[in-house]
Amino acid sequence: MDYDLLSRYLLVINFCSSAASYVAYCQDNFRLDIAKCRNYLPPDVDPEEHFHYMWVHAVQGFFLLRQRVRGRLNEEWYIIGEIVPHEFSSYFFEEAWENFEELLKRFHTTFPYGGVSILDLAPLERLGADLGL
């Protein structure tokens, strides 16, 4: 499973769903027409401050989204990366999900700040420690 990682940083303005669709509307008039998604919470996170991830297969491609959680406050979702497979496979989403921690490690190694400002690194540093980076 070979793929390229692209850094993205787009605010998700709204998620809309209906019987026929699930769409994430983002800044810069970008949207994700979501076909499949899975949520991931890293093991052993600090309940007071951590990140929650969403792995998305959309018509537009494969994307990594992240939401910061502080105590009981869930902050906005952001698209933080795009994953581009070298070869199309109908199994790519599931294969990547089976190796999601590895994908996340590679993303945070390639883009250490993950699209966030230097002032927001504490949870990322803890995540790096949790993932063994």
Foldseek 3Di string as FASTA:
>chain_A
DDKDKDFDWWFFPDWDDDPVFIKTQTPPRDMFTFPDKDKDDQPPADLQWAKIWMWTQGPVATWIKIWIHGNPDIHTIITTIGIGHPDDDPCVSVVCVVVVLVVVLVQCVVVVVSPDDPVPCPNSVVVCVSSVD
